[in-house]
């Protein structure tokens, strides 16, 4: 009876080993078909989670960074134009404010003369 139990345990262990061998082989073949080689665990990890890593760490892909830097001159020119127009508006506003201040001073001086 003990021999039968030991034989059954050995058979079960051999079946598990054979199953794991064929499972690993099938997985390797599938990866080789998909990628042309059997990638390492690290390669698979980055292929799976690369987009999430980029988003979570606020990283930028090289192509996107290059296009952003190429367009920098255009954006700087636009900002420079806006600054120039803001400066000219400020000058006009300053002139208008000076006129308003002069009118207020005239009104105050007239009022003081009338009060005396």
Protein backbone atom coordinates (compact mmCIF):
# COMPACT_ATOMS: atom_id res chain seq x y z
CA UNK A 1 0.00 0.00 0.00
CA UNK A 2 2.81 2.41 0.83
CA UNK A 3 4.48 1.65 -2.48
CA UNK A 4 1.29 2.62 -4.34
CA UNK A 5 1.08 5.96 -2.51
CA UNK A 6 4.74 6.73 -3.18
CA UNK A 7 4.27 5.75 -6.84
CA UNK A 8 1.21 8.01 -7.07
CA UNK A 9 3.12 10.94 -5.51
CA UNK A 10 6.05 10.40 -7.92
CA UNK A 11 3.65 10.23 -10.87
CA UNK A 12 1.93 13.44 -9.73
CA UNK A 13 5.28 15.26 -9.37
CA UNK A 14 6.39 14.06 -12.82
CA UNK A 15 3.09 15.25 -14.35
CA UNK A 16 3.45 18.67 -12.72
CA UNK A 17 7.03 18.98 -14.02
CA UNK A 18 5.96 17.96 -17.55
CA UNK A 19 3.01 20.43 -17.44
CA UNK A 20 5.25 23.30 -16.30
CA UNK A 21 7.82 22.45 -19.01
CA UNK A 22 5.24 22.55 -21.81
CA UNK A 23 3.61 25.68 -20.38
CA UNK A 24 6.95 27.50 -20.28
CA UNK A 25 7.81 26.29 -23.78
CA UNK A 26 4.45 27.49 -25.17
CA UNK A 27 4.92 30.86 -23.49
CA UNK A 28 8.43 31.22 -24.95
CA UNK A 29 7.18 30.31 -28.42
CA UNK A 30 4.34 32.82 -28.19
CA UNK A 31 6.73 35.58 -27.08
CA UNK A 32 9.15 34.72 -29.87
CA UNK A 33 6.33 34.94 -32.43
CA UNK A 34 5.21 38.27 -31.01
CA UNK A 35 8.60 39.99 -30.58
CA UNK A 36 10.97 37.98 -32.77
CA UNK A 37 12.93 36.94 -29.67
CA UNK A 38 12.18 35.97 -26.10
CA UNK A 39 12.30 39.27 -24.20
CA UNK A 40 13.47 39.52 -20.63
CA UNK A 41 11.16 40.22 -17.75
CA UNK A 42 12.31 43.86 -17.65
CA UNK A 43 11.57 44.35 -21.37
CA UNK A 44 8.09 42.93 -20.91
CA UNK A 45 7.49 45.14 -17.90
CA UNK A 46 8.41 48.32 -19.78
CA UNK A 47 6.41 47.29 -22.84
CA UNK A 48 3.40 46.81 -20.59
CA UNK A 49 3.71 49.88 -18.38
CA UNK A 50 5.73 52.41 -20.42
CA UNK A 51 2.81 54.80 -21.05
CA UNK A 52 1.80 54.75 -17.39
CA UNK A 53 5.39 55.44 -16.29
CA UNK A 54 5.56 58.43 -18.64
CA UNK A 55 2.25 59.80 -17.32
CA UNK A 56 2.96 59.17 -13.63
CA UNK A 57 6.40 60.77 -13.69
CA UNK A 58 5.32 63.66 -15.97
CA UNK A 59 7.96 62.66 -18.50
CA UNK A 60 7.90 63.64 -22.16
CA UNK A 61 8.79 61.44 -25.08
CA UNK A 62 11.78 62.54 -27.18
CA UNK A 63 9.75 63.30 -30.33
CA UNK A 64 7.30 65.45 -28.40
CA UNK A 65 10.12 67.34 -26.66
CA UNK A 66 11.85 68.01 -29.98
CA UNK A 67 8.67 69.36 -31.60
CA UNK A 68 8.01 71.50 -28.51
CA UNK A 69 11.52 73.00 -28.67
CA UNK A 70 11.28 73.62 -32.43
CA UNK A 71 8.09 75.62 -31.93
CA UNK A 72 9.63 77.67 -29.13
CA UNK A 73 10.75 80.49 -31.47
CA UNK A 74 7.21 80.92 -32.79
CA UNK A 75 5.77 81.04 -29.28
CA UNK A 76 8.42 83.55 -28.14
CA UNK A 77 7.68 85.79 -31.12
CA UNK A 78 3.97 85.74 -30.28
CA UNK A 79 4.66 86.60 -26.65
CA UNK A 80 6.99 89.44 -27.71
CA UNK A 81 4.25 90.89 -29.93
CA UNK A 82 1.76 90.70 -27.07
CA UNK A 83 4.21 92.43 -24.73
CA UNK A 84 4.74 95.21 -27.29
CA UNK A 85 1.01 95.80 -27.66
CA UNK A 86 0.57 95.78 -23.87
CA UNK A 87 3.31 98.41 -23.51
CA UNK A 88 1.65 100.69 -26.06
CA UNK A 89 -1.72 100.26 -24.31
CA UNK A 90 -0.08 101.10 -20.99
CA UNK A 91 1.35 104.31 -22.45
CA UNK A 92 -2.12 105.33 -23.68
CA UNK A 93 -3.64 104.51 -20.30
CA UNK A 94 -0.92 106.51 -18.52
CA UNK A 95 -1.64 109.53 -20.73
CA UNK A 96 -5.37 109.24 -20.05
CA UNK A 97 -4.76 108.91 -16.30
CA UNK A 98 -2.55 112.02 -16.31
CA UNK A 99 -5.35 113.96 -18.01
CA UNK A 100 -7.84 112.71 -15.42
CA UNK A 101 -5.49 113.71 -12.58
CA UNK A 102 -5.08 117.19 -14.06
CA UNK A 103 -8.86 117.61 -14.26
CA UNK A 104 -9.25 116.45 -10.66
CA UNK A 105 -6.59 118.93 -9.53
CA UNK A 106 -8.35 121.73 -11.43
CA UNK A 107 -11.67 120.85 -9.85
CA UNK A 108 -10.10 120.71 -6.38
CA UNK A 109 -8.35 124.05 -6.81
CA UNK A 110 -11.61 125.68 -8.00
CA UNK A 111 -13.48 124.19 -5.10
CA UNK A 112 -10.88 125.49 -2.61
CA UNK A 113 -11.12 128.98 -4.11
CA UNK A 114 -14.89 128.94 -3.83
CA UNK A 115 -14.79 127.74 -0.23
CA UNK A 116 -12.48 130.62 0.82
